[in-house]
Amino acid sequence: MSLDRSLFLIGYRGTGKTTVARELAERLGCEWTDSDYVVQLRASKQIAEIFAEHGEPYFRDLEQAVVAELAAGPVQVVALGGGAVLREASRRAIDGCHVVWLTASPAVLAERLTADEASDSQRPSLTGAGLTEEIEQVLADRTPIYRQCATLEVDTEGRAPRAIAEAILQKLTAN
């Protein structure tokens, strides 16, 4: 199978977007990228530093520009930051692309994020609440947006990245 248009992975942090993007690109023989990585390169700062120094709106501005560029660029697999679809302009940019929503329960996400402290330390708290409570709060707000954007939904619980990629490819070929 080859992609006829870019494939964007969306979902909360800890759902495996970056790892699955890499796996999908390998299987599809195409490039992949992570929008958070591109934002950090452009800003020459970690996400937590951008939030601390400039605030979330500034970060979302950078992110929105990157999402638009990636959506207009060559066909590839893109792991989007968890909040990348919060802005209407970003949602419009990826409209017409394959958009796969990776999901997991708040308990599993908290477990994954706790295990991956190095990655999590780069991410600012969005609510000031404890980890599981923050996940539940943020997911309550974002789930309708993720659902609206997604052309496919794939549960990542109890599955290795290779199996998740395989599930996505099977669903893409079935559609």
N, C-alpha and C. Protein backbone atom coordinates (compact mmCIF):
# COMPACT_ATOMS: atom_id res chain seq x y z
N MET A 1 0.84 -1.18 0.00
CA MET A 1 0.00 0.00 0.00
C MET A 1 0.89 1.24 0.00
N SER A 2 0.44 2.27 -0.69
CA SER A 2 1.11 3.56 -0.62
C SER A 2 0.06 4.61 -0.31
N LEU A 3 0.51 5.68 0.27
CA LEU A 3 -0.42 6.75 0.66
C LEU A 3 -0.74 7.64 -0.53
N ASP A 4 -2.02 7.99 -0.67
CA ASP A 4 -2.44 8.93 -1.70
C ASP A 4 -2.47 10.36 -1.15
N ARG A 5 -2.42 10.46 0.17
CA ARG A 5 -2.37 11.76 0.86
C ARG A 5 -1.75 11.52 2.22
N SER A 6 -1.31 12.59 2.87
CA SER A 6 -0.63 12.43 4.16
C SER A 6 -1.54 11.81 5.20
N LEU A 7 -0.91 11.14 6.15
CA LEU A 7 -1.60 10.50 7.25
C LEU A 7 -1.16 11.18 8.54
N PHE A 8 -2.11 11.73 9.26
CA PHE A 8 -1.84 12.42 10.53
C PHE A 8 -2.35 11.57 11.68
N LEU A 9 -1.49 11.39 12.69
CA LEU A 9 -1.88 10.69 13.91
C LEU A 9 -2.19 11.74 14.96
N ILE A 10 -3.37 11.64 15.55
CA ILE A 10 -3.79 12.57 16.60
C ILE A 10 -4.11 11.78 17.86
N GLY A 11 -4.18 12.48 18.98
CA GLY A 11 -4.54 11.84 20.24
C GLY A 11 -3.73 12.43 21.37
N TYR A 12 -4.07 12.03 22.57
CA TYR A 12 -3.41 12.54 23.76
C TYR A 12 -1.96 12.04 23.80
N ARG A 13 -1.11 12.78 24.51
CA ARG A 13 0.28 12.33 24.64
C ARG A 13 0.27 10.98 25.35
N GLY A 14 1.21 10.15 24.96
CA GLY A 14 1.28 8.81 25.54
C GLY A 14 0.51 7.76 24.77
N THR A 15 -0.17 8.16 23.69
CA THR A 15 -0.90 7.15 22.91
C THR A 15 0.01 6.45 21.91
N GLY A 16 1.23 6.97 21.74
CA GLY A 16 2.19 6.31 20.87
C GLY A 16 2.29 6.90 19.48
N LYS A 17 1.84 8.13 19.30
CA LYS A 17 1.81 8.74 17.97
C LYS A 17 3.17 8.73 17.27
N THR A 18 4.21 9.16 17.96
CA THR A 18 5.54 9.24 17.34
C THR A 18 6.07 7.86 16.97
N THR A 19 5.96 6.92 17.88
CA THR A 19 6.46 5.56 17.63
C THR A 19 5.68 4.90 16.50
N VAL A 20 4.37 5.08 16.49
CA VAL A 20 3.54 4.48 15.45
C VAL A 20 3.79 5.17 14.10
N ALA A 21 4.02 6.47 14.11
CA ALA A 21 4.33 7.19 12.86
C ALA A 21 5.58 6.61 12.22
N ARG A 22 6.60 6.38 13.02
CA ARG A 22 7.85 5.79 12.53
C ARG A 22 7.59 4.41 11.93
N GLU A 23 6.83 3.61 12.64
CA GLU A 23 6.50 2.25 12.18
C GLU A 23 5.69 2.29 10.87
N LEU A 24 4.71 3.16 10.80
CA LEU A 24 3.89 3.27 9.58
C LEU A 24 4.73 3.71 8.39
N ALA A 25 5.57 4.71 8.59
CA ALA A 25 6.40 5.22 7.50
C ALA A 25 7.31 4.13 6.97
N GLU A 26 7.87 3.34 7.88
CA GLU A 26 8.74 2.25 7.46
C GLU A 26 7.98 1.25 6.59
N ARG A 27 6.78 0.91 7.02
CA ARG A 27 5.97 -0.06 6.28
C ARG A 27 5.49 0.50 4.94
N LEU A 28 5.23 1.81 4.91
CA LEU A 28 4.72 2.45 3.69
C LEU A 28 5.83 2.93 2.77
N GLY A 29 7.05 2.93 3.27
CA GLY A 29 8.17 3.39 2.46
C GLY A 29 8.12 4.89 2.19
N CYS A 30 7.72 5.65 3.21
CA CYS A 30 7.65 7.10 3.05
C CYS A 30 8.30 7.79 4.25
N GLU A 31 8.35 9.09 4.20
CA GLU A 31 8.92 9.88 5.28
C GLU A 31 7.91 10.02 6.41
N TRP A 32 8.42 10.42 7.57
CA TRP A 32 7.55 10.72 8.71
C TRP A 32 8.16 11.88 9.47
N THR A 33 7.34 12.56 10.24
CA THR A 33 7.83 13.61 11.12
C THR A 33 6.90 13.75 12.32
N ASP A 34 7.37 14.50 13.29
CA ASP A 34 6.61 14.79 14.51
C ASP A 34 6.49 16.30 14.59
N SER A 35 5.27 16.81 14.63
CA SER A 35 5.08 18.27 14.63
C SER A 35 5.71 18.94 15.84
N ASP A 36 5.70 18.28 16.99
CA ASP A 36 6.34 18.87 18.18
C ASP A 36 7.84 19.06 17.95
N TYR A 37 8.46 18.09 17.30
CA TYR A 37 9.89 18.17 17.00
C TYR A 37 10.17 19.36 16.07
N VAL A 38 9.33 19.54 15.06
CA VAL A 38 9.50 20.65 14.13
C VAL A 38 9.33 21.98 14.85
N VAL A 39 8.33 22.09 15.72
CA VAL A 39 8.12 23.32 16.50
C VAL A 39 9.35 23.62 17.34
N GLN A 40 9.88 22.60 18.02
CA GLN A 40 11.07 22.79 18.86
C GLN A 40 12.28 23.23 18.04
N LEU A 41 12.44 22.66 16.86
CA LEU A 41 13.54 23.07 15.98
C LEU A 41 13.40 24.54 15.58
N ARG A 42 12.18 24.92 15.20
CA ARG A 42 11.95 26.30 14.75
C ARG A 42 12.19 27.30 15.87
N ALA A 43 11.78 26.92 17.09
CA ALA A 43 11.89 27.84 18.23
C ALA A 43 13.26 27.73 18.91
N SER A 44 14.01 26.71 18.57
CA SER A 44 15.28 26.40 19.24
C SER A 44 15.10 26.28 20.74
N LYS A 45 13.95 25.72 21.14
CA LYS A 45 13.61 25.54 22.56
C LYS A 45 12.74 24.30 22.72
N GLN A 46 12.80 23.73 23.92
CA GLN A 46 11.89 22.65 24.27
C GLN A 46 10.48 23.23 24.47
N ILE A 47 9.47 22.37 24.34
CA ILE A 47 8.09 22.84 24.48
C ILE A 47 7.86 23.49 25.83
N ALA A 48 8.37 22.89 26.90
CA ALA A 48 8.18 23.47 28.24
C ALA A 48 8.78 24.88 28.31
N GLU A 49 9.91 25.09 27.65
CA GLU A 49 10.54 26.43 27.64
C GLU A 49 9.69 27.42 26.86
N ILE A 50 9.12 26.98 25.74
CA ILE A 50 8.25 27.86 24.95
C ILE A 50 7.05 28.29 25.79
N PHE A 51 6.43 27.32 26.46
CA PHE A 51 5.28 27.62 27.32
C PHE A 51 5.69 28.60 28.43
N ALA A 52 6.81 28.32 29.07
CA ALA A 52 7.24 29.14 30.21
C ALA A 52 7.60 30.56 29.79
N GLU A 53 8.28 30.69 28.66
CA GLU A 53 8.76 32.00 28.24
C GLU A 53 7.74 32.82 27.45
N HIS A 54 6.88 32.13 26.71
CA HIS A 54 5.99 32.85 25.80
C HIS A 54 4.51 32.54 25.99
N GLY A 55 4.20 31.47 26.70
CA GLY A 55 2.81 31.09 26.94
C GLY A 55 2.25 30.15 25.88
N GLU A 56 1.12 29.55 26.23
CA GLU A 56 0.49 28.59 25.33
C GLU A 56 0.03 29.20 24.01
N PRO A 57 -0.56 30.41 24.00
CA PRO A 57 -1.00 30.96 22.70
C PRO A 57 0.15 31.08 21.68
N TYR A 58 1.32 31.49 22.14
CA TYR A 58 2.48 31.60 21.25
C TYR A 58 2.87 30.21 20.72
N PHE A 59 2.88 29.21 21.61
CA PHE A 59 3.18 27.85 21.18
C PHE A 59 2.17 27.39 20.14
N ARG A 60 0.87 27.65 20.39
CA ARG A 60 -0.17 27.21 19.45
C ARG A 60 -0.03 27.93 18.10
N ASP A 61 0.44 29.18 18.11
CA ASP A 61 0.70 29.88 16.85
C ASP A 61 1.78 29.16 16.04
N LEU A 62 2.89 28.81 16.71
CA LEU A 62 3.97 28.08 16.05
C LEU A 62 3.46 26.74 15.53
N GLU A 63 2.73 26.06 16.38
CA GLU A 63 2.21 24.74 16.03
C GLU A 63 1.27 24.82 14.83
N GLN A 64 0.39 25.81 14.82
CA GLN A 64 -0.56 25.98 13.73
C GLN A 64 0.17 26.18 12.39
N ALA A 65 1.22 26.99 12.40
CA ALA A 65 2.00 27.22 11.19
C ALA A 65 2.66 25.93 10.71
N VAL A 66 3.20 25.15 11.65
CA VAL A 66 3.85 23.88 11.30
C VAL A 66 2.83 22.89 10.74
N VAL A 67 1.66 22.79 11.35
CA VAL A 67 0.63 21.86 10.88
C VAL A 67 0.23 22.23 9.45
N ALA A 68 0.03 23.51 9.19
CA ALA A 68 -0.34 23.95 7.84
C ALA A 68 0.74 23.59 6.82
N GLU A 69 1.99 23.79 7.18
CA GLU A 69 3.11 23.44 6.29
C GLU A 69 3.16 21.95 6.02
N LEU A 70 3.02 21.16 7.07
CA LEU A 70 3.09 19.71 6.91
C LEU A 70 1.93 19.19 6.08
N ALA A 71 0.75 19.75 6.27
CA ALA A 71 -0.42 19.32 5.52
C ALA A 71 -0.30 19.69 4.04
N ALA A 72 0.35 20.79 3.73
CA ALA A 72 0.52 21.24 2.35
C ALA A 72 1.74 20.62 1.68
N GLY A 73 2.59 19.97 2.46
CA GLY A 73 3.84 19.43 1.95
C GLY A 73 3.67 18.08 1.29
N PRO A 74 4.79 17.40 1.08
CA PRO A 74 4.74 16.08 0.43
C PRO A 74 4.01 15.05 1.30
N VAL A 75 3.51 14.02 0.65
CA VAL A 75 2.79 12.95 1.34
C VAL A 75 3.74 12.28 2.32
N GLN A 76 3.30 12.18 3.58
CA GLN A 76 4.11 11.57 4.63
C GLN A 76 3.21 11.19 5.79
N VAL A 77 3.79 10.55 6.80
CA VAL A 77 3.10 10.24 8.05
C VAL A 77 3.54 11.28 9.06
N VAL A 78 2.57 11.88 9.77
CA VAL A 78 2.87 12.95 10.72
C VAL A 78 2.24 12.65 12.07
N ALA A 79 3.06 12.67 13.11
CA ALA A 79 2.57 12.58 14.49
C ALA A 79 2.32 14.01 14.95
N LEU A 80 1.08 14.34 15.26
CA LEU A 80 0.76 15.68 15.73
C LEU A 80 0.81 15.73 17.25
N GLY A 81 1.17 16.88 17.78
CA GLY A 81 1.11 17.10 19.22
C GLY A 81 -0.32 16.91 19.69
N GLY A 82 -0.49 16.54 20.95
CA GLY A 82 -1.81 16.24 21.49
C GLY A 82 -2.83 17.35 21.34
N GLY A 83 -2.38 18.61 21.39
CA GLY A 83 -3.31 19.73 21.28
C GLY A 83 -3.32 20.40 19.92
N ALA A 84 -2.65 19.80 18.94
CA ALA A 84 -2.53 20.42 17.62
C ALA A 84 -3.87 20.66 16.95
N VAL A 85 -4.87 19.86 17.26
CA VAL A 85 -6.17 20.01 16.60
C VAL A 85 -7.10 20.96 17.35
N LEU A 86 -6.59 21.64 18.37
CA LEU A 86 -7.44 22.57 19.12
C LEU A 86 -7.83 23.79 18.29
N ARG A 87 -6.98 24.19 17.39
CA ARG A 87 -7.25 25.37 16.56
C ARG A 87 -8.00 24.96 15.29
N GLU A 88 -9.03 25.72 14.99
CA GLU A 88 -9.83 25.47 13.78
C GLU A 88 -8.96 25.48 12.52
N ALA A 89 -8.01 26.41 12.44
CA ALA A 89 -7.14 26.47 11.25
C ALA A 89 -6.34 25.19 11.08
N SER A 90 -5.90 24.60 12.16
CA SER A 90 -5.15 23.34 12.07
C SER A 90 -6.07 22.20 11.64
N ARG A 91 -7.29 22.21 12.15
CA ARG A 91 -8.25 21.17 11.74
C ARG A 91 -8.57 21.29 10.25
N ARG A 92 -8.74 22.52 9.78
CA ARG A 92 -8.99 22.73 8.35
C ARG A 92 -7.80 22.28 7.51
N ALA A 93 -6.60 22.51 8.01
CA ALA A 93 -5.38 22.15 7.26
C ALA A 93 -5.30 20.64 7.02
N ILE A 94 -5.72 19.84 7.98
CA ILE A 94 -5.61 18.38 7.83
C ILE A 94 -6.88 17.75 7.28
N ASP A 95 -7.91 18.55 7.06
CA ASP A 95 -9.15 18.04 6.47
C ASP A 95 -8.83 17.50 5.08
N GLY A 96 -9.28 16.33 4.78
CA GLY A 96 -9.00 15.71 3.49
C GLY A 96 -7.81 14.77 3.54
N CYS A 97 -7.06 14.80 4.63
CA CYS A 97 -5.95 13.86 4.83
C CYS A 97 -6.49 12.65 5.59
N HIS A 98 -5.70 11.59 5.67
CA HIS A 98 -6.03 10.49 6.56
C HIS A 98 -5.73 10.99 7.97
N VAL A 99 -6.69 10.90 8.88
CA VAL A 99 -6.47 11.35 10.26
C VAL A 99 -6.87 10.20 11.18
N VAL A 100 -5.87 9.65 11.87
CA VAL A 100 -6.08 8.49 12.73
C VAL A 100 -5.94 8.93 14.19
N TRP A 101 -6.99 8.70 14.94
CA TRP A 101 -7.02 9.05 16.37
C TRP A 101 -6.59 7.82 17.16
N LEU A 102 -5.46 7.94 17.85
CA LEU A 102 -4.98 6.88 18.73
C LEU A 102 -5.53 7.13 20.13
N THR A 103 -6.10 6.10 20.73
CA THR A 103 -6.75 6.25 22.03
C THR A 103 -6.17 5.29 23.06
N ALA A 104 -6.39 5.63 24.31
CA ALA A 104 -6.08 4.78 25.47
C ALA A 104 -6.81 5.38 26.66
N SER A 105 -7.05 4.59 27.67
CA SER A 105 -7.75 5.08 28.86
C SER A 105 -6.84 6.01 29.66
N PRO A 106 -7.43 6.90 30.47
CA PRO A 106 -6.60 7.77 31.31
C PRO A 106 -5.63 7.00 32.20
N ALA A 107 -6.05 5.86 32.74
CA ALA A 107 -5.16 5.08 33.61
C ALA A 107 -3.94 4.57 32.83
N VAL A 108 -4.16 4.08 31.63
CA VAL A 108 -3.05 3.58 30.81
C VAL A 108 -2.14 4.74 30.39
N LEU A 109 -2.74 5.87 30.02
CA LEU A 109 -1.93 7.03 29.64
C LEU A 109 -1.06 7.49 30.80
N ALA A 110 -1.64 7.55 32.00
CA ALA A 110 -0.87 7.96 33.18
C ALA A 110 0.28 6.99 33.43
N GLU A 111 0.01 5.71 33.27
CA GLU A 111 1.05 4.69 33.46
C GLU A 111 2.18 4.88 32.44
N ARG A 112 1.82 5.08 31.19
CA ARG A 112 2.83 5.27 30.14
C ARG A 112 3.63 6.55 30.37
N LEU A 113 2.96 7.62 30.72
CA LEU A 113 3.65 8.90 30.92
C LEU A 113 4.56 8.85 32.14
N THR A 114 4.15 8.15 33.17
CA THR A 114 4.99 8.00 34.35
C THR A 114 6.23 7.18 34.02
N ALA A 115 6.07 6.17 33.20
CA ALA A 115 7.20 5.32 32.80
C ALA A 115 8.17 6.07 31.89
N ASP A 116 7.67 7.07 31.18
CA ASP A 116 8.48 7.83 30.23
C ASP A 116 8.74 9.23 30.77
N GLU A 117 9.35 9.28 31.95
CA GLU A 117 9.56 10.56 32.62
C GLU A 117 10.40 11.53 31.81
N ALA A 118 11.36 11.04 31.03
CA ALA A 118 12.21 11.94 30.24
C ALA A 118 11.37 12.71 29.24
N SER A 119 10.45 12.03 28.57
CA SER A 119 9.59 12.70 27.61
C SER A 119 8.59 13.60 28.32
N ASP A 120 8.02 13.09 29.41
CA ASP A 120 7.01 13.85 30.13
C ASP A 120 7.56 15.14 30.73
N SER A 121 8.84 15.15 31.08
CA SER A 121 9.40 16.35 31.70
C SER A 121 9.47 17.51 30.72
N GLN A 122 9.36 17.22 29.43
CA GLN A 122 9.36 18.27 28.42
C GLN A 122 7.98 18.92 28.29
N ARG A 123 7.00 18.30 28.82
CA ARG A 123 5.62 18.75 28.64
C ARG A 123 5.13 19.53 29.84
N PRO A 124 4.63 20.72 29.61
CA PRO A 124 4.11 21.50 30.73
C PRO A 124 2.75 20.97 31.19
N SER A 125 2.45 21.19 32.45
CA SER A 125 1.12 20.85 32.96
C SER A 125 0.12 21.80 32.31
N LEU A 126 -1.00 21.26 31.88
CA LEU A 126 -2.02 22.10 31.24
C LEU A 126 -3.09 22.55 32.22
N THR A 127 -3.18 21.87 33.38
CA THR A 127 -4.24 22.21 34.33
C THR A 127 -3.73 22.47 35.75
N GLY A 128 -2.51 22.05 36.04
CA GLY A 128 -2.00 22.16 37.40
C GLY A 128 -2.47 21.04 38.30
N ALA A 129 -3.29 20.14 37.76
CA ALA A 129 -3.81 19.01 38.55
C ALA A 129 -2.80 17.86 38.53
N GLY A 130 -3.09 16.83 39.31
CA GLY A 130 -2.27 15.62 39.28
C GLY A 130 -2.39 14.97 37.91
N LEU A 131 -1.48 14.07 37.59
CA LEU A 131 -1.40 13.51 36.25
C LEU A 131 -2.70 12.86 35.77
N THR A 132 -3.25 11.93 36.51
CA THR A 132 -4.47 11.24 36.07
C THR A 132 -5.63 12.22 35.97
N GLU A 133 -5.76 13.10 36.95
CA GLU A 133 -6.84 14.09 36.91
C GLU A 133 -6.68 15.01 35.70
N GLU A 134 -5.44 15.43 35.42
CA GLU A 134 -5.22 16.29 34.25
C GLU A 134 -5.60 15.56 32.96
N ILE A 135 -5.19 14.31 32.84
CA ILE A 135 -5.53 13.53 31.65
C ILE A 135 -7.05 13.48 31.49
N GLU A 136 -7.76 13.18 32.56
CA GLU A 136 -9.22 13.09 32.49
C GLU A 136 -9.84 14.42 32.08
N GLN A 137 -9.35 15.52 32.67
CA GLN A 137 -9.88 16.85 32.34
C GLN A 137 -9.62 17.22 30.88
N VAL A 138 -8.39 17.02 30.45
CA VAL A 138 -8.02 17.41 29.09
C VAL A 138 -8.74 16.52 28.07
N LEU A 139 -8.81 15.22 28.34
CA LEU A 139 -9.53 14.33 27.43
C LEU A 139 -11.01 14.68 27.33
N ALA A 140 -11.61 15.09 28.44
CA ALA A 140 -13.02 15.50 28.39
C ALA A 140 -13.21 16.66 27.41
N ASP A 141 -12.27 17.58 27.40
CA ASP A 141 -12.35 18.71 26.47
C ASP A 141 -12.00 18.33 25.04
N ARG A 142 -10.99 17.49 24.88
CA ARG A 142 -10.48 17.21 23.54
C ARG A 142 -11.17 16.07 22.80
N THR A 143 -11.77 15.14 23.51
CA THR A 143 -12.37 13.97 22.84
C THR A 143 -13.33 14.35 21.73
N PRO A 144 -14.24 15.31 21.92
CA PRO A 144 -15.13 15.66 20.80
C PRO A 144 -14.36 16.21 19.59
N ILE A 145 -13.27 16.91 19.84
CA ILE A 145 -12.47 17.46 18.74
C ILE A 145 -11.73 16.34 18.02
N TYR A 146 -11.11 15.45 18.79
CA TYR A 146 -10.44 14.30 18.18
C TYR A 146 -11.44 13.51 17.32
N ARG A 147 -12.61 13.27 17.87
CA ARG A 147 -13.63 12.48 17.17
C ARG A 147 -14.05 13.18 15.87
N GLN A 148 -14.20 14.49 15.93
CA GLN A 148 -14.61 15.28 14.76
C GLN A 148 -13.55 15.18 13.64
N CYS A 149 -12.29 15.19 14.00
CA CYS A 149 -11.20 15.18 13.01
C CYS A 149 -10.91 13.81 12.42
N ALA A 150 -11.14 12.79 13.20
CA ALA A 150 -10.66 11.45 12.85
C ALA A 150 -11.43 10.80 11.69
N THR A 151 -10.68 10.21 10.79
CA THR A 151 -11.28 9.35 9.77
C THR A 151 -11.23 7.89 10.23
N LEU A 152 -10.32 7.60 11.18
CA LEU A 152 -10.20 6.29 11.81
C LEU A 152 -9.88 6.47 13.28
N GLU A 153 -10.30 5.51 14.09
CA GLU A 153 -9.96 5.50 15.52
C GLU A 153 -9.34 4.14 15.83
N VAL A 154 -8.21 4.16 16.54
CA VAL A 154 -7.53 2.91 16.88
C VAL A 154 -7.15 2.93 18.36
N ASP A 155 -7.62 1.93 19.09
CA ASP A 155 -7.27 1.78 20.51
C ASP A 155 -5.87 1.21 20.62
N THR A 156 -5.02 1.85 21.42
CA THR A 156 -3.62 1.41 21.54
C THR A 156 -3.36 0.56 22.78
N GLU A 157 -4.36 0.36 23.60
CA GLU A 157 -4.15 -0.38 24.84
C GLU A 157 -3.78 -1.83 24.58
N GLY A 158 -2.71 -2.27 25.26
CA GLY A 158 -2.29 -3.66 25.18
C GLY A 158 -1.74 -4.08 23.83
N ARG A 159 -1.38 -3.10 23.00
CA ARG A 159 -0.87 -3.40 21.67
C ARG A 159 0.51 -2.79 21.47
N ALA A 160 1.37 -3.53 20.83
CA ALA A 160 2.69 -3.03 20.47
C ALA A 160 2.55 -2.09 19.27
N PRO A 161 3.49 -1.17 19.11
CA PRO A 161 3.43 -0.23 17.97
C PRO A 161 3.27 -0.93 16.62
N ARG A 162 3.93 -2.06 16.44
CA ARG A 162 3.81 -2.81 15.17
C ARG A 162 2.36 -3.26 14.94
N ALA A 163 1.71 -3.72 16.00
CA ALA A 163 0.31 -4.17 15.88
C ALA A 163 -0.62 -3.00 15.63
N ILE A 164 -0.33 -1.86 16.24
CA ILE A 164 -1.14 -0.66 16.02
C ILE A 164 -1.01 -0.22 14.56
N ALA A 165 0.22 -0.19 14.06
CA ALA A 165 0.45 0.18 12.66
C ALA A 165 -0.29 -0.78 11.73
N GLU A 166 -0.23 -2.06 12.03
CA GLU A 166 -0.92 -3.06 11.21
C GLU A 166 -2.44 -2.83 11.23
N ALA A 167 -2.99 -2.51 12.39
CA ALA A 167 -4.43 -2.23 12.50
C ALA A 167 -4.80 -1.01 11.65
N ILE A 168 -3.96 0.01 11.67
CA ILE A 168 -4.22 1.21 10.87
C ILE A 168 -4.19 0.87 9.39
N LEU A 169 -3.18 0.15 8.97
CA LEU A 169 -3.06 -0.21 7.56
C LEU A 169 -4.23 -1.07 7.09
N GLN A 170 -4.67 -2.00 7.94
CA GLN A 170 -5.83 -2.83 7.59
C GLN A 170 -7.08 -1.98 7.43
N LYS A 171 -7.27 -1.02 8.36
CA LYS A 171 -8.45 -0.15 8.27
C LYS A 171 -8.38 0.76 7.05
N LEU A 172 -7.19 1.24 6.72
CA LEU A 172 -7.03 2.12 5.55
C LEU A 172 -7.36 1.36 4.26
N THR A 173 -6.88 0.12 4.16
CA THR A 173 -7.15 -0.65 2.94
C THR A 173 -8.60 -1.09 2.85
N ALA A 174 -9.28 -1.21 3.99
CA ALA A 174 -10.69 -1.62 4.01
C ALA A 174 -11.61 -0.46 3.60
N ASN A 175 -11.12 0.78 3.78
CA ASN A 175 -11.96 1.96 3.46
C ASN A 175 -11.84 2.35 2.00
